N, C-alpha and C. Protein backbone atom coordinates (compact mmCIF):
# COMPACT_ATOMS: atom_id res chain seq x y z
N UNK A 1 0.84 -1.18 0.00
CA UNK A 1 0.00 0.00 0.00
C UNK A 1 0.88 1.24 0.00
N UNK A 2 0.56 2.15 -0.87
CA UNK A 2 1.34 3.36 -1.04
C UNK A 2 0.65 4.53 -0.30
N UNK A 3 1.40 5.30 0.46
CA UNK A 3 0.87 6.46 1.16
C UNK A 3 0.75 7.64 0.19
N UNK A 4 -0.29 8.44 0.33
CA UNK A 4 -0.45 9.61 -0.55
C UNK A 4 0.50 10.73 -0.13
N UNK A 5 1.67 10.74 -0.65
CA UNK A 5 2.74 11.67 -0.25
C UNK A 5 2.38 13.13 -0.49
N UNK A 6 1.63 13.42 -1.58
CA UNK A 6 1.30 14.81 -1.87
C UNK A 6 0.34 15.40 -0.84
N UNK A 7 -0.56 14.57 -0.29
CA UNK A 7 -1.54 15.08 0.66
C UNK A 7 -0.98 15.19 2.08
N UNK A 8 0.15 14.63 2.32
CA UNK A 8 0.73 14.63 3.67
C UNK A 8 1.39 15.98 3.93
N UNK A 9 0.89 16.69 4.94
CA UNK A 9 1.40 18.03 5.24
C UNK A 9 2.24 18.07 6.50
N UNK A 10 2.13 17.07 7.34
CA UNK A 10 2.85 17.09 8.61
C UNK A 10 2.05 17.75 9.72
N UNK A 11 0.92 18.30 9.39
CA UNK A 11 0.05 18.94 10.39
C UNK A 11 -0.93 17.91 10.93
N UNK A 12 -1.30 18.08 12.18
CA UNK A 12 -2.32 17.20 12.75
C UNK A 12 -3.26 18.01 13.64
N UNK A 13 -4.51 17.63 13.63
CA UNK A 13 -5.52 18.27 14.47
C UNK A 13 -6.38 17.18 15.11
N UNK A 14 -6.88 17.49 16.28
CA UNK A 14 -7.78 16.56 16.96
C UNK A 14 -9.11 16.51 16.22
N UNK A 15 -9.77 15.38 16.31
CA UNK A 15 -11.07 15.22 15.62
C UNK A 15 -12.08 16.25 16.10
N UNK A 16 -12.05 16.59 17.39
CA UNK A 16 -13.01 17.58 17.90
C UNK A 16 -12.72 18.97 17.33
N UNK A 17 -11.45 19.29 17.12
CA UNK A 17 -11.11 20.58 16.51
C UNK A 17 -11.62 20.63 15.07
N UNK A 18 -11.49 19.52 14.35
CA UNK A 18 -12.01 19.44 12.98
C UNK A 18 -13.53 19.56 12.99
N UNK A 19 -14.17 18.94 13.97
CA UNK A 19 -15.64 19.03 14.10
C UNK A 19 -16.05 20.49 14.29
N UNK A 20 -15.35 21.21 15.16
CA UNK A 20 -15.66 22.62 15.40
C UNK A 20 -15.51 23.44 14.12
N UNK A 21 -14.43 23.21 13.40
CA UNK A 21 -14.20 23.92 12.13
C UNK A 21 -15.30 23.59 11.13
N UNK A 22 -15.65 22.32 11.04
CA UNK A 22 -16.70 21.90 10.10
C UNK A 22 -18.06 22.49 10.44
N UNK A 23 -18.41 22.53 11.73
CA UNK A 23 -19.69 23.12 12.12
C UNK A 23 -19.72 24.62 11.90
N UNK A 24 -18.59 25.27 12.04
CA UNK A 24 -18.53 26.72 11.75
C UNK A 24 -18.82 27.00 10.29
N UNK A 25 -18.37 26.11 9.41
CA UNK A 25 -18.55 26.35 7.98
C UNK A 25 -19.87 25.82 7.45
N UNK A 26 -20.65 25.17 8.28
CA UNK A 26 -21.94 24.62 7.85
C UNK A 26 -22.91 25.75 7.53
N UNK A 27 -23.41 25.77 6.31
CA UNK A 27 -24.32 26.86 5.91
C UNK A 27 -25.79 26.45 5.98
N UNK A 28 -26.09 25.17 5.81
CA UNK A 28 -27.47 24.71 5.84
C UNK A 28 -27.66 23.80 7.06
N UNK A 29 -28.36 24.31 8.05
CA UNK A 29 -28.58 23.60 9.30
C UNK A 29 -29.88 22.80 9.31
N UNK A 30 -30.59 22.77 8.20
CA UNK A 30 -31.90 22.11 8.15
C UNK A 30 -31.83 20.63 8.53
N UNK A 31 -30.79 19.95 8.14
CA UNK A 31 -30.68 18.51 8.40
C UNK A 31 -30.54 18.20 9.89
N UNK A 32 -29.96 19.13 10.65
CA UNK A 32 -29.78 18.88 12.08
C UNK A 32 -30.52 19.90 12.95
N UNK A 33 -31.49 20.58 12.36
CA UNK A 33 -32.24 21.61 13.11
C UNK A 33 -32.94 21.01 14.33
N UNK A 34 -33.37 19.76 14.23
CA UNK A 34 -34.07 19.13 15.37
C UNK A 34 -33.12 18.79 16.51
N UNK A 35 -31.82 18.86 16.26
CA UNK A 35 -30.81 18.58 17.29
C UNK A 35 -30.35 19.84 18.03
N UNK A 36 -30.78 21.01 17.57
CA UNK A 36 -30.37 22.25 18.22
C UNK A 36 -30.93 22.30 19.64
N UNK A 37 -30.18 22.91 20.58
CA UNK A 37 -30.65 22.97 21.97
C UNK A 37 -31.92 23.79 22.11
N UNK A 38 -32.66 23.48 23.16
CA UNK A 38 -33.92 24.15 23.47
C UNK A 38 -33.67 25.63 23.78
N UNK A 39 -34.45 26.54 23.20
CA UNK A 39 -34.26 27.97 23.48
C UNK A 39 -34.48 28.33 24.94
N UNK A 40 -35.29 27.54 25.66
CA UNK A 40 -35.54 27.81 27.06
C UNK A 40 -34.53 27.14 27.99
N UNK A 41 -33.62 26.37 27.41
CA UNK A 41 -32.58 25.71 28.20
C UNK A 41 -31.35 26.58 28.33
N UNK A 42 -30.45 26.15 29.18
CA UNK A 42 -29.21 26.88 29.38
C UNK A 42 -28.01 26.01 29.08
N UNK A 43 -26.84 26.54 29.31
CA UNK A 43 -25.59 25.82 29.09
C UNK A 43 -24.76 25.83 30.37
N UNK A 44 -24.10 24.71 30.62
CA UNK A 44 -23.10 24.65 31.70
C UNK A 44 -21.78 24.20 31.09
N UNK A 45 -20.72 24.68 31.67
CA UNK A 45 -19.38 24.32 31.19
C UNK A 45 -19.10 22.86 31.51
N UNK A 46 -18.64 22.14 30.52
CA UNK A 46 -18.26 20.74 30.72
C UNK A 46 -16.76 20.62 30.94
N UNK A 47 -16.03 21.68 30.70
CA UNK A 47 -14.57 21.70 30.87
C UNK A 47 -14.22 22.68 31.98
N UNK A 48 -13.34 22.24 32.86
CA UNK A 48 -12.85 23.12 33.92
C UNK A 48 -11.42 23.51 33.56
N UNK A 49 -11.14 24.78 33.68
CA UNK A 49 -9.80 25.25 33.35
C UNK A 49 -9.70 25.62 31.88
N UNK A 50 -8.52 25.49 31.34
CA UNK A 50 -8.31 25.88 29.95
C UNK A 50 -8.57 24.70 29.01
N UNK A 51 -8.82 25.02 27.75
CA UNK A 51 -9.04 24.01 26.73
C UNK A 51 -8.25 24.40 25.50
N UNK A 52 -8.05 23.44 24.61
CA UNK A 52 -7.13 23.67 23.50
C UNK A 52 -7.80 24.14 22.21
N UNK A 53 -9.04 24.54 22.26
CA UNK A 53 -9.73 25.02 21.07
C UNK A 53 -9.66 26.54 21.02
N UNK A 54 -9.55 27.03 19.83
CA UNK A 54 -9.62 28.47 19.64
C UNK A 54 -11.06 28.83 19.29
N UNK A 55 -11.69 29.54 20.18
CA UNK A 55 -13.07 29.95 19.94
C UNK A 55 -13.07 31.29 19.21
N UNK A 56 -14.06 31.45 18.33
CA UNK A 56 -14.18 32.75 17.68
C UNK A 56 -14.89 33.71 18.65
N UNK A 57 -15.07 34.96 18.23
CA UNK A 57 -15.60 35.99 19.12
C UNK A 57 -16.99 35.64 19.65
N UNK A 58 -17.90 35.20 18.76
CA UNK A 58 -19.26 34.87 19.20
C UNK A 58 -19.27 33.65 20.12
N UNK A 59 -18.46 32.66 19.81
CA UNK A 59 -18.37 31.47 20.66
C UNK A 59 -17.88 31.85 22.05
N UNK A 60 -16.91 32.75 22.10
CA UNK A 60 -16.38 33.20 23.39
C UNK A 60 -17.43 33.96 24.19
N UNK A 61 -18.22 34.80 23.49
CA UNK A 61 -19.27 35.54 24.19
C UNK A 61 -20.31 34.59 24.77
N UNK A 62 -20.70 33.61 24.01
CA UNK A 62 -21.70 32.65 24.50
C UNK A 62 -21.09 31.77 25.58
N UNK A 63 -19.81 31.46 25.45
CA UNK A 63 -19.11 30.66 26.48
C UNK A 63 -19.20 31.34 27.84
N UNK A 64 -19.21 32.67 27.87
CA UNK A 64 -19.30 33.41 29.13
C UNK A 64 -20.60 33.12 29.88
N UNK A 65 -21.61 32.64 29.18
CA UNK A 65 -22.92 32.36 29.79
C UNK A 65 -23.09 30.89 30.17
N UNK A 66 -22.02 30.11 30.23
CA UNK A 66 -22.15 28.69 30.54
C UNK A 66 -22.17 28.44 32.04
N UNK A 67 -23.09 29.11 32.72
CA UNK A 67 -23.23 28.91 34.16
C UNK A 67 -24.53 28.21 34.53
N UNK A 68 -25.34 27.87 33.53
CA UNK A 68 -26.57 27.12 33.79
C UNK A 68 -27.72 27.93 34.33
N UNK A 69 -27.63 29.25 34.26
CA UNK A 69 -28.71 30.08 34.81
C UNK A 69 -29.39 30.98 33.77
N UNK A 70 -28.83 31.06 32.58
CA UNK A 70 -29.37 31.95 31.55
C UNK A 70 -29.82 31.11 30.35
N UNK A 71 -31.05 31.33 29.91
CA UNK A 71 -31.56 30.58 28.76
C UNK A 71 -30.93 31.09 27.47
N UNK A 72 -30.96 30.23 26.46
CA UNK A 72 -30.42 30.64 25.15
C UNK A 72 -31.20 31.82 24.59
N UNK A 73 -32.49 31.83 24.87
CA UNK A 73 -33.33 32.95 24.41
C UNK A 73 -32.85 34.26 25.04
N UNK A 74 -32.55 34.23 26.34
CA UNK A 74 -32.06 35.43 27.03
C UNK A 74 -30.67 35.82 26.54
N UNK A 75 -29.84 34.84 26.23
CA UNK A 75 -28.50 35.13 25.69
C UNK A 75 -28.63 35.84 24.35
N UNK A 76 -29.54 35.35 23.51
CA UNK A 76 -29.76 35.98 22.20
C UNK A 76 -30.21 37.42 22.36
N UNK A 77 -31.10 37.67 23.31
CA UNK A 77 -31.56 39.04 23.54
C UNK A 77 -30.43 39.91 24.06
N UNK A 78 -29.65 39.37 24.99
CA UNK A 78 -28.55 40.12 25.60
C UNK A 78 -27.49 40.50 24.56
N UNK A 79 -27.15 39.55 23.70
CA UNK A 79 -26.10 39.79 22.70
C UNK A 79 -26.64 40.37 21.39
N UNK A 80 -27.95 40.53 21.33
CA UNK A 80 -28.62 41.05 20.12
C UNK A 80 -28.29 40.22 18.90
N UNK A 81 -28.45 38.89 19.07
CA UNK A 81 -28.21 37.94 17.99
C UNK A 81 -29.50 37.18 17.71
N UNK A 82 -29.67 36.67 16.49
CA UNK A 82 -30.83 35.82 16.23
C UNK A 82 -30.77 34.55 17.08
N UNK A 83 -31.91 34.11 17.54
CA UNK A 83 -31.97 32.92 18.40
C UNK A 83 -31.36 31.71 17.71
N UNK A 84 -31.64 31.51 16.42
CA UNK A 84 -31.09 30.37 15.68
C UNK A 84 -29.56 30.38 15.70
N UNK A 85 -28.97 31.56 15.57
CA UNK A 85 -27.51 31.69 15.59
C UNK A 85 -26.95 31.26 16.95
N UNK A 86 -27.61 31.69 18.03
CA UNK A 86 -27.17 31.32 19.37
C UNK A 86 -27.32 29.81 19.57
N UNK A 87 -28.42 29.24 19.07
CA UNK A 87 -28.61 27.79 19.17
C UNK A 87 -27.52 27.03 18.41
N UNK A 88 -27.15 27.54 17.24
CA UNK A 88 -26.11 26.89 16.44
C UNK A 88 -24.75 26.94 17.15
N UNK A 89 -24.45 28.08 17.72
CA UNK A 89 -23.17 28.21 18.45
C UNK A 89 -23.19 27.32 19.68
N UNK A 90 -24.31 27.27 20.37
CA UNK A 90 -24.43 26.40 21.54
C UNK A 90 -24.27 24.94 21.12
N UNK A 91 -24.84 24.57 19.99
CA UNK A 91 -24.69 23.21 19.47
C UNK A 91 -23.21 22.89 19.21
N UNK A 92 -22.49 23.85 18.65
CA UNK A 92 -21.06 23.64 18.40
C UNK A 92 -20.30 23.39 19.70
N UNK A 93 -20.60 24.18 20.72
CA UNK A 93 -19.92 24.02 22.01
C UNK A 93 -20.27 22.67 22.64
N UNK A 94 -21.50 22.24 22.46
CA UNK A 94 -21.93 20.94 23.00
C UNK A 94 -21.27 19.81 22.21
N UNK A 95 -21.22 19.95 20.88
CA UNK A 95 -20.68 18.88 20.02
C UNK A 95 -19.21 18.58 20.30
N UNK A 96 -18.45 19.59 20.68
CA UNK A 96 -17.03 19.36 20.94
C UNK A 96 -16.75 19.11 22.43
N UNK A 97 -17.80 19.05 23.23
CA UNK A 97 -17.65 18.70 24.63
C UNK A 97 -17.26 19.83 25.55
N UNK A 98 -17.42 21.06 25.11
CA UNK A 98 -17.09 22.20 25.97
C UNK A 98 -18.25 22.59 26.88
N UNK A 99 -19.47 22.28 26.46
CA UNK A 99 -20.65 22.67 27.23
C UNK A 99 -21.66 21.54 27.19
N UNK A 100 -22.59 21.62 28.12
CA UNK A 100 -23.72 20.68 28.17
C UNK A 100 -25.00 21.49 28.29
N UNK A 101 -26.04 20.98 27.67
CA UNK A 101 -27.34 21.64 27.75
C UNK A 101 -28.01 21.23 29.05
N UNK A 102 -28.62 22.21 29.73
CA UNK A 102 -29.37 21.93 30.95
C UNK A 102 -30.75 22.57 30.85
N UNK A 103 -31.77 21.88 31.34
CA UNK A 103 -33.09 22.50 31.35
C UNK A 103 -33.17 23.56 32.44
N UNK A 104 -33.86 24.62 32.16
CA UNK A 104 -34.06 25.67 33.15
C UNK A 104 -35.53 25.68 33.54
N UNK A 105 -35.79 26.00 34.79
CA UNK A 105 -37.16 26.09 35.26
C UNK A 105 -37.65 27.47 34.89
N UNK A 106 -38.72 27.49 34.12
CA UNK A 106 -39.29 28.75 33.69
C UNK A 106 -40.48 29.03 34.59
N UNK A 107 -40.42 30.13 35.31
CA UNK A 107 -41.53 30.45 36.20
C UNK A 107 -42.63 31.14 35.40
N UNK A 108 -43.81 30.60 35.55
CA UNK A 108 -44.96 31.20 34.89
C UNK A 108 -45.86 31.78 35.95
N UNK A 109 -46.45 32.91 35.68
CA UNK A 109 -47.32 33.51 36.68
C UNK A 109 -48.51 32.59 36.97
N UNK A 110 -48.86 32.54 38.22
CA UNK A 110 -49.96 31.68 38.64
C UNK A 110 -51.28 32.23 38.12
N UNK A 111 -52.07 31.35 37.56
CA UNK A 111 -53.38 31.77 37.06
C UNK A 111 -54.50 31.34 37.99
N UNK A 112 -54.14 30.65 39.07
CA UNK A 112 -55.14 30.19 40.01
C UNK A 112 -55.62 31.36 40.86
N UNK A 113 -56.93 31.51 40.96
CA UNK A 113 -57.52 32.57 41.76
C UNK A 113 -57.91 31.98 43.10
N UNK A 114 -57.48 32.63 44.16
CA UNK A 114 -57.82 32.16 45.50
C UNK A 114 -59.03 32.95 45.97
N UNK A 115 -60.07 32.21 46.28
CA UNK A 115 -61.32 32.82 46.72
C UNK A 115 -61.20 33.23 48.18
N UNK A 116 -61.70 34.40 48.54
CA UNK A 116 -61.69 34.78 49.96
C UNK A 116 -62.70 33.93 50.75
N UNK A 117 -62.48 33.86 52.05
CA UNK A 117 -63.41 33.10 52.89
C UNK A 117 -64.79 33.73 52.84
N UNK A 118 -65.81 32.91 52.86
CA UNK A 118 -67.16 33.50 52.94
C UNK A 118 -67.29 34.34 54.21
N UNK A 119 -68.07 35.38 54.15
CA UNK A 119 -68.17 36.30 55.28
C UNK A 119 -68.69 35.61 56.53
N UNK A 120 -69.55 34.60 56.37
CA UNK A 120 -70.08 33.90 57.53
C UNK A 120 -68.95 33.17 58.27
N UNK A 121 -68.09 32.47 57.54
CA UNK A 121 -66.98 31.77 58.17
C UNK A 121 -65.99 32.75 58.80
N UNK A 122 -65.76 33.86 58.10
CA UNK A 122 -64.83 34.86 58.62
C UNK A 122 -65.34 35.43 59.93
N UNK A 123 -66.63 35.74 59.98
CA UNK A 123 -67.18 36.31 61.21
C UNK A 123 -67.17 35.29 62.34
N UNK A 124 -67.40 34.00 62.03
CA UNK A 124 -67.36 32.96 63.05
C UNK A 124 -65.95 32.81 63.61
N UNK A 125 -64.95 32.87 62.73
CA UNK A 125 -63.57 32.71 63.18
C UNK A 125 -63.13 33.86 64.06
N UNK A 126 -63.56 35.07 63.76
CA UNK A 126 -63.15 36.21 64.57
C UNK A 126 -63.94 36.29 65.87
N UNK A 127 -65.15 35.75 65.90
CA UNK A 127 -65.97 35.81 67.10
C UNK A 127 -65.72 34.66 68.07
N UNK A 128 -65.10 33.57 67.63
CA UNK A 128 -64.88 32.43 68.52
C UNK A 128 -63.83 32.79 69.55
N UNK A 129 -64.09 32.36 70.78
CA UNK A 129 -63.18 32.70 71.88
C UNK A 129 -62.64 31.41 72.47
N UNK A 130 -61.37 31.41 72.75
CA UNK A 130 -60.71 30.29 73.38
C UNK A 130 -60.45 30.70 74.82
N UNK A 131 -60.79 29.81 75.73
CA UNK A 131 -60.65 30.18 77.14
C UNK A 131 -59.18 30.31 77.52
N UNK A 132 -58.95 31.19 78.45
CA UNK A 132 -57.59 31.43 78.94
C UNK A 132 -57.04 30.18 79.61
N UNK A 133 -57.86 29.47 80.33
CA UNK A 133 -57.38 28.27 81.03
C UNK A 133 -56.98 27.18 80.03
N UNK A 134 -57.71 27.07 78.92
CA UNK A 134 -57.34 26.08 77.90
C UNK A 134 -55.95 26.38 77.34
N UNK A 135 -55.71 27.63 76.98
CA UNK A 135 -54.41 28.02 76.44
C UNK A 135 -53.30 27.79 77.47
N UNK A 136 -53.60 28.11 78.77
CA UNK A 136 -52.60 27.92 79.83
C UNK A 136 -52.27 26.43 79.99
N UNK A 137 -53.29 25.58 79.98
CA UNK A 137 -53.07 24.14 80.11
C UNK A 137 -52.30 23.59 78.89
N UNK A 138 -52.64 24.06 77.71
CA UNK A 138 -51.96 23.62 76.50
C UNK A 138 -50.49 23.99 76.53
N UNK A 139 -50.18 25.22 76.90
CA UNK A 139 -48.79 25.66 76.98
C UNK A 139 -48.02 24.86 78.02
N UNK A 140 -48.66 24.58 79.16
CA UNK A 140 -48.01 23.78 80.19
C UNK A 140 -47.74 22.37 79.70
N UNK A 141 -48.70 21.78 79.01
CA UNK A 141 -48.54 20.42 78.47
C UNK A 141 -47.39 20.38 77.47
N UNK A 142 -47.36 21.33 76.55
CA UNK A 142 -46.32 21.34 75.52
C UNK A 142 -44.94 21.58 76.11
N UNK A 143 -44.83 22.41 77.12
CA UNK A 143 -43.52 22.69 77.69
C UNK A 143 -42.99 21.53 78.53
N UNK A 144 -43.87 20.75 79.16
CA UNK A 144 -43.40 19.62 79.96
C UNK A 144 -43.18 18.37 79.14
N UNK A 145 -43.75 18.27 77.96
CA UNK A 145 -43.62 17.10 77.11
C UNK A 145 -42.83 17.41 75.86
N UNK A 146 -41.65 17.96 76.03
CA UNK A 146 -40.81 18.30 74.89
C UNK A 146 -40.38 17.06 74.13
N UNK A 147 -40.34 15.91 74.79
CA UNK A 147 -39.93 14.69 74.11
C UNK A 147 -40.92 14.29 73.03
N UNK A 148 -42.17 14.66 73.20
CA UNK A 148 -43.19 14.35 72.19
C UNK A 148 -42.90 15.15 70.92
N UNK A 149 -42.57 16.42 71.08
CA UNK A 149 -42.33 17.27 69.92
C UNK A 149 -41.04 16.89 69.20
N UNK A 150 -40.06 16.39 69.96
CA UNK A 150 -38.78 16.07 69.32
C UNK A 150 -38.68 14.61 68.89
N UNK A 151 -39.68 13.79 69.22
CA UNK A 151 -39.63 12.38 68.84
C UNK A 151 -39.82 12.22 67.35
N UNK A 152 -39.15 11.27 66.72
CA UNK A 152 -39.34 11.04 65.29
C UNK A 152 -40.75 10.56 64.99
N UNK A 153 -41.15 10.74 63.75
CA UNK A 153 -42.48 10.29 63.35
C UNK A 153 -42.63 8.80 63.61
N UNK A 154 -43.80 8.41 64.10
CA UNK A 154 -44.06 7.01 64.35
C UNK A 154 -43.51 6.55 65.69
N UNK A 155 -42.92 7.46 66.48
CA UNK A 155 -42.34 7.12 67.77
C UNK A 155 -43.24 7.73 68.82
N UNK A 156 -43.99 6.95 69.52
CA UNK A 156 -44.99 7.49 70.44
C UNK A 156 -44.35 7.98 71.72
N UNK A 157 -45.06 8.85 72.41
CA UNK A 157 -44.59 9.38 73.68
C UNK A 157 -44.53 8.28 74.73
N UNK A 158 -45.46 7.34 74.67
CA UNK A 158 -45.48 6.24 75.63
C UNK A 158 -44.23 5.38 75.47
N UNK A 159 -43.83 5.10 74.24
CA UNK A 159 -42.61 4.33 74.01
C UNK A 159 -41.40 5.11 74.50
N UNK A 160 -41.44 6.45 74.35
CA UNK A 160 -40.35 7.28 74.81
C UNK A 160 -40.23 7.21 76.32
N UNK A 161 -41.36 7.30 77.04
CA UNK A 161 -41.34 7.22 78.51
C UNK A 161 -40.85 5.87 78.98
N UNK A 162 -41.33 4.77 78.34
CA UNK A 162 -40.91 3.44 78.77
C UNK A 162 -39.42 3.24 78.50
N UNK A 163 -38.88 3.81 77.44
CA UNK A 163 -37.46 3.70 77.15
C UNK A 163 -36.65 4.44 78.21
N UNK A 164 -37.15 5.62 78.66
CA UNK A 164 -36.46 6.36 79.70
C UNK A 164 -36.46 5.57 81.01
N UNK A 165 -37.60 4.94 81.35
CA UNK A 165 -37.69 4.16 82.59
C UNK A 165 -36.73 2.98 82.56
N UNK A 166 -36.64 2.31 81.40
CA UNK A 166 -35.73 1.18 81.29
C UNK A 166 -34.28 1.63 81.43
N UNK A 167 -33.94 2.76 80.86
CA UNK A 167 -32.55 3.21 80.95
C UNK A 167 -32.23 3.63 82.39
N UNK A 168 -33.22 4.13 83.15
CA UNK A 168 -33.00 4.46 84.55
C UNK A 168 -32.79 3.21 85.37
N UNK A 169 -33.54 2.12 85.06
CA UNK A 169 -33.41 0.87 85.79
C UNK A 169 -32.04 0.24 85.56
N UNK A 170 -31.54 0.35 84.34
CA UNK A 170 -30.26 -0.26 84.02
C UNK A 170 -29.13 0.45 84.74
N UNK A 171 -29.20 1.79 84.81
CA UNK A 171 -28.14 2.58 85.42
C UNK A 171 -28.21 2.50 86.90
């Protein structure tokens, strides 16, 4: 087998660097449009520290937003770029392993209307009186039985008392 001597330049590039160059020169994104990241999603950095790729100016600007808190839509507005362009650049960063797409929680205003209490219930609640002695007894009970409040769920006060008695007998 003969090596193609004329094509051999002595230069070498990593496959991911070639991928980045190829995606930069891609003019028709229709074939992979369904693979573009979600406009409501964000980017997080997949690389810590320095990396060996040379990013162009737009890639570097978008790279600054790889903290997982800003959506691609917001990045496009901030940088005054078309959303599709930002998605394409984000795809390039994801394809070479520099970034990862993350979903962001989009807060939507609540549409649920909370009805006020009927006036009859409201008037009953404000007119009901709790006796002073009841409140005094309740406060006394709660302050002397702190073990009930601090016991784990499913652990009864009776079991707590019997455990204390057994530990006193042993000691």
